[in-house]
Protein backbone atom coordinates (compact mmCIF):
# COMPACT_ATOMS: atom_id res chain seq x y z
CA MET A 1 16.11 16.12 -0.94
CA ALA A 2 12.71 14.53 -1.44
CA LYS A 3 12.54 10.77 -2.07
CA LEU A 4 10.09 8.14 -3.25
CA TYR A 5 9.70 5.46 -0.57
CA PHE A 6 8.14 2.01 -0.96
CA ASN A 7 7.19 0.44 2.36
CA TYR A 8 6.07 -3.11 1.61
CA SER A 9 5.01 -6.25 3.42
CA THR A 10 2.40 -8.97 3.54
CA MET A 11 -1.08 -8.51 4.99
CA ASN A 12 -1.48 -7.50 8.63
CA ALA A 13 1.98 -6.05 9.15
CA GLY A 14 0.74 -2.58 10.14
CA LYS A 15 1.30 -0.64 6.91
CA SER A 16 -1.77 1.57 7.30
CA THR A 17 -0.98 2.15 10.97
CA MET A 18 2.52 3.32 10.06
CA LEU A 19 1.18 5.57 7.30
CA LEU A 20 -1.37 7.20 9.61
CA GLN A 21 1.23 7.69 12.35
CA ALA A 22 3.74 9.26 9.95
CA SER A 23 1.09 11.60 8.51
CA TYR A 24 0.00 12.56 12.03
CA ASN A 25 3.61 13.39 12.97
CA TYR A 26 3.78 15.91 10.09
CA GLN A 27 0.38 17.39 10.92
CA GLU A 28 1.26 17.72 14.60
CA ARG A 29 4.08 20.03 13.54
CA GLY A 30 1.72 22.16 11.44
CA MET A 31 2.67 20.59 8.12
CA ARG A 32 0.08 19.62 5.53
CA THR A 33 -0.01 16.09 4.17
CA LEU A 34 -2.04 14.40 1.47
CA ILE A 35 -3.19 10.80 1.83
CA PHE A 36 -4.35 8.81 -1.20
CA THR A 37 -6.07 5.44 -1.41
CA ALA A 38 -7.77 3.44 -4.15
CA ALA A 39 -11.32 4.58 -4.92
CA PHE A 40 -12.59 0.99 -5.12
CA ASP A 41 -11.23 0.04 -1.67
CA ASP A 42 -14.24 0.85 0.48
CA ARG A 43 -13.48 -1.39 3.48
CA ALA A 44 -13.31 1.66 5.76
CA GLY A 45 -15.57 3.74 3.52
CA VAL A 46 -14.72 5.41 0.23
CA GLY A 47 -11.91 7.92 0.70
CA ARG A 48 -10.90 6.59 4.10
CA VAL A 49 -7.76 4.83 5.35
CA ALA A 50 -8.16 2.74 8.49
CA SER A 51 -5.91 0.41 10.44
CA ARG A 52 -6.83 -2.77 12.27
CA ILE A 53 -6.04 -1.07 15.60
CA GLY A 54 -8.63 1.66 15.09
CA LEU A 55 -6.72 4.60 13.62
CA SER A 56 -8.27 6.24 10.57
CA SER A 57 -8.18 9.32 8.38
CA ASP A 58 -9.95 10.81 5.41
CA ALA A 59 -8.09 10.37 2.14
CA LEU A 60 -8.19 11.44 -1.46
CA THR A 61 -8.98 8.66 -3.89
CA PHE A 62 -7.37 7.54 -7.11
CA ASP A 63 -8.55 5.38 -9.96
CA ASP A 64 -6.93 4.51 -13.26
CA LYS A 65 -7.84 7.91 -14.76
CA THR A 66 -6.40 9.98 -11.91
CA ASP A 67 -3.36 12.10 -12.71
CA LEU A 68 -1.65 12.15 -9.31
CA PHE A 69 0.98 14.66 -10.42
CA ALA A 70 -1.66 17.13 -11.66
CA GLU A 71 -3.76 16.68 -8.53
CA VAL A 72 -0.85 17.21 -6.14
CA SER A 73 0.39 20.16 -8.22
CA ALA A 74 -3.03 21.83 -7.96
CA LEU A 75 -3.30 21.18 -4.22
CA THR A 76 0.24 22.48 -3.66
CA ALA A 77 -0.70 25.71 -5.42
CA GLU A 78 -3.45 26.19 -2.78
CA ALA A 79 -1.15 25.54 0.20
CA PRO A 80 2.25 23.88 0.70
CA VAL A 81 2.31 20.08 1.00
CA ALA A 82 5.01 18.56 3.19
CA CYS A 83 4.50 14.91 2.24
CA VAL A 84 2.29 12.68 0.09
CA PHE A 85 1.21 9.29 1.43
CA VAL A 86 -0.28 6.42 -0.60
CA ASP A 87 -2.03 3.50 1.08
CA GLU A 88 -2.50 0.22 -0.82
CA ALA A 89 0.18 1.25 -3.32
CA ASN A 90 -0.14 -2.16 -4.95
CA PHE A 91 -3.45 -0.88 -6.41
CA LEU A 92 -1.67 1.90 -8.33
CA SER A 93 -0.97 1.51 -12.03
CA GLU A 94 2.55 1.70 -13.43
CA HIS A 95 1.84 5.18 -14.82
CA HIS A 96 0.76 6.31 -11.33
CA VAL A 97 4.14 5.22 -9.97
CA TRP A 98 5.89 7.44 -12.51
CA GLN A 99 3.55 10.31 -11.58
CA LEU A 100 4.64 9.85 -7.96
CA ALA A 101 8.28 9.95 -9.07
CA ASP A 102 7.50 13.24 -10.85
CA ILE A 103 6.03 14.63 -7.62
CA VAL A 104 9.34 13.87 -5.93
CA ASP A 105 11.59 15.02 -8.76
CA ARG A 106 9.70 18.06 -10.04
CA LEU A 107 7.82 19.31 -6.96
CA ASN A 108 10.44 18.23 -4.39
CA ILE A 109 7.78 16.64 -2.17
CA PRO A 110 8.55 13.30 -0.48
CA VAL A 111 6.16 10.47 -1.35
CA MET A 112 5.71 7.55 1.02
CA THR A 113 3.91 4.54 -0.43
CA TYR A 114 2.69 1.53 1.55
CA GLY A 115 1.54 -1.71 -0.03
CA LEU A 116 1.86 -5.38 -0.75
CA ARG A 117 4.81 -6.67 -2.73
CA THR A 118 3.19 -9.88 -4.00
CA ASP A 119 -0.29 -11.26 -4.53
CA PHE A 120 -1.87 -14.51 -3.32
CA GLN A 121 -0.15 -16.44 -6.13
CA GLY A 122 3.31 -15.14 -5.19
CA LYS A 123 3.44 -12.75 -8.18
CA LEU A 124 4.47 -9.11 -8.05
CA PHE A 125 1.73 -6.53 -8.44
CA PRO A 126 2.55 -4.31 -11.49
CA ALA A 127 2.82 -1.18 -9.31
CA SER A 128 4.94 -2.98 -6.73
CA LYS A 129 7.29 -4.17 -9.48
CA GLU A 130 7.61 -0.58 -10.71
CA LEU A 131 8.17 0.74 -7.19
CA LEU A 132 10.81 -1.91 -6.50
CA ALA A 133 12.54 -0.75 -9.68
CA ILE A 134 12.47 3.03 -9.24
CA ALA A 135 11.85 3.94 -5.58
CA ASP A 136 14.70 5.77 -3.86
CA GLU A 137 14.24 3.78 -0.66
CA LEU A 138 12.74 0.36 -0.02
CA ARG A 139 11.60 -0.57 3.47
CA GLU A 140 10.28 -3.97 4.44
CA ILE A 141 7.69 -3.99 7.21
CA ARG A 142 7.85 -7.35 8.87
CA THR A 143 5.18 -9.60 10.28
CA ILE A 144 5.25 -13.25 11.28
CA CYS A 145 3.82 -16.55 10.14
CA HIS A 146 1.98 -18.76 12.62
CA CYS A 147 5.27 -20.71 13.01
CA GLY A 148 7.15 -17.60 14.17
CA ARG A 149 9.22 -17.13 11.01
CA LYS A 150 9.08 -13.95 8.95
CA ALA A 151 5.98 -13.88 6.75
CA THR A 152 6.76 -13.03 3.12
CA MET A 153 3.73 -14.47 1.30
CA VAL A 154 -0.05 -14.21 1.54
CA ALA A 155 -2.73 -16.79 0.76
CA ARG A 156 -6.32 -16.02 -0.20
CA PHE A 157 -9.22 -18.11 1.10
CA ASP A 158 -12.83 -18.35 -0.07
CA SER A 159 -15.88 -18.03 2.18
CA GLU A 160 -15.69 -21.76 2.97
CA GLY A 161 -12.08 -21.54 4.16
CA LYS A 162 -10.57 -23.18 1.08
CA VAL A 163 -7.38 -21.80 -0.43
CA VAL A 164 -7.86 -19.88 -3.68
CA THR A 165 -5.24 -20.65 -6.34
CA GLU A 166 -6.74 -18.85 -9.35
CA GLY A 167 -8.62 -15.65 -10.00
CA ALA A 168 -8.23 -11.92 -10.28
CA GLN A 169 -5.06 -10.48 -8.83
CA ILE A 170 -7.01 -7.79 -6.99
CA ASP A 171 -9.73 -8.86 -4.57
CA VAL A 172 -10.10 -6.39 -1.72
CA GLY A 173 -10.36 -7.96 1.69
CA GLY A 174 -8.80 -8.38 5.09
CA ASN A 175 -8.52 -11.07 7.73
CA GLU A 176 -11.63 -12.79 6.39
CA LYS A 177 -9.84 -13.56 3.09
CA TYR A 178 -6.09 -13.37 3.57
CA VAL A 179 -3.48 -15.00 5.82
CA SER A 180 0.24 -14.21 5.84
CA PHE A 181 2.72 -17.09 5.78
CA CYS A 182 6.44 -17.74 5.58
CA ARG A 183 7.44 -19.16 2.20
CA ARG A 184 7.46 -22.77 3.46
CA HIS A 185 3.94 -22.62 4.89
CA TRP A 186 2.64 -20.68 1.87
CA VAL A 187 3.92 -23.44 -0.43
CA GLU A 188 2.30 -26.07 1.80
CA THR A 189 -0.98 -24.12 1.83
CA PHE A 190 -1.06 -22.89 -1.77
CA LYS A 191 0.30 -25.96 -3.50
CA GLY A 192 -0.93 -28.55 -1.01
CA GLU A 193 2.58 -29.89 -0.47
């Protein structure tokens, strides 16, 4: 039975590494996978998923107009697809999440999504909220705060190293912009307490 999985965490927990490893495991056994990532996320190049430890793969891209169900249906008609992977699932829209559910339910193809649960203000991303509501399986990928406790929050910093408390929910970046914290240290950092 195919399922919709949401693998979530803060920044720098190894989500992309896990995605690339899982996709490789399918491919090593002769099974075809599809990897999707946001078209506007060009940190590794457009249509490319890369991990901090150096693994990378080409990927299909999505934007707000992409119909993921139609695209996967068409690609499945060309050759069987064993699994669909989505990196940066927090960049999906709510309608994309339901398209992924249709891939699982109507095409019987497992879909494994990887992304952030919350933004720099501690708010759920719309797609993450939808995935938390409808995914068949939720898996937390853990990383640690500088104090050694489990990191559950992420703070955004500007180019001068000052914490950002307002602004657009989506601002693509990596270690140069974001730091993962436990809730206590996020509150201290974000709210200055």
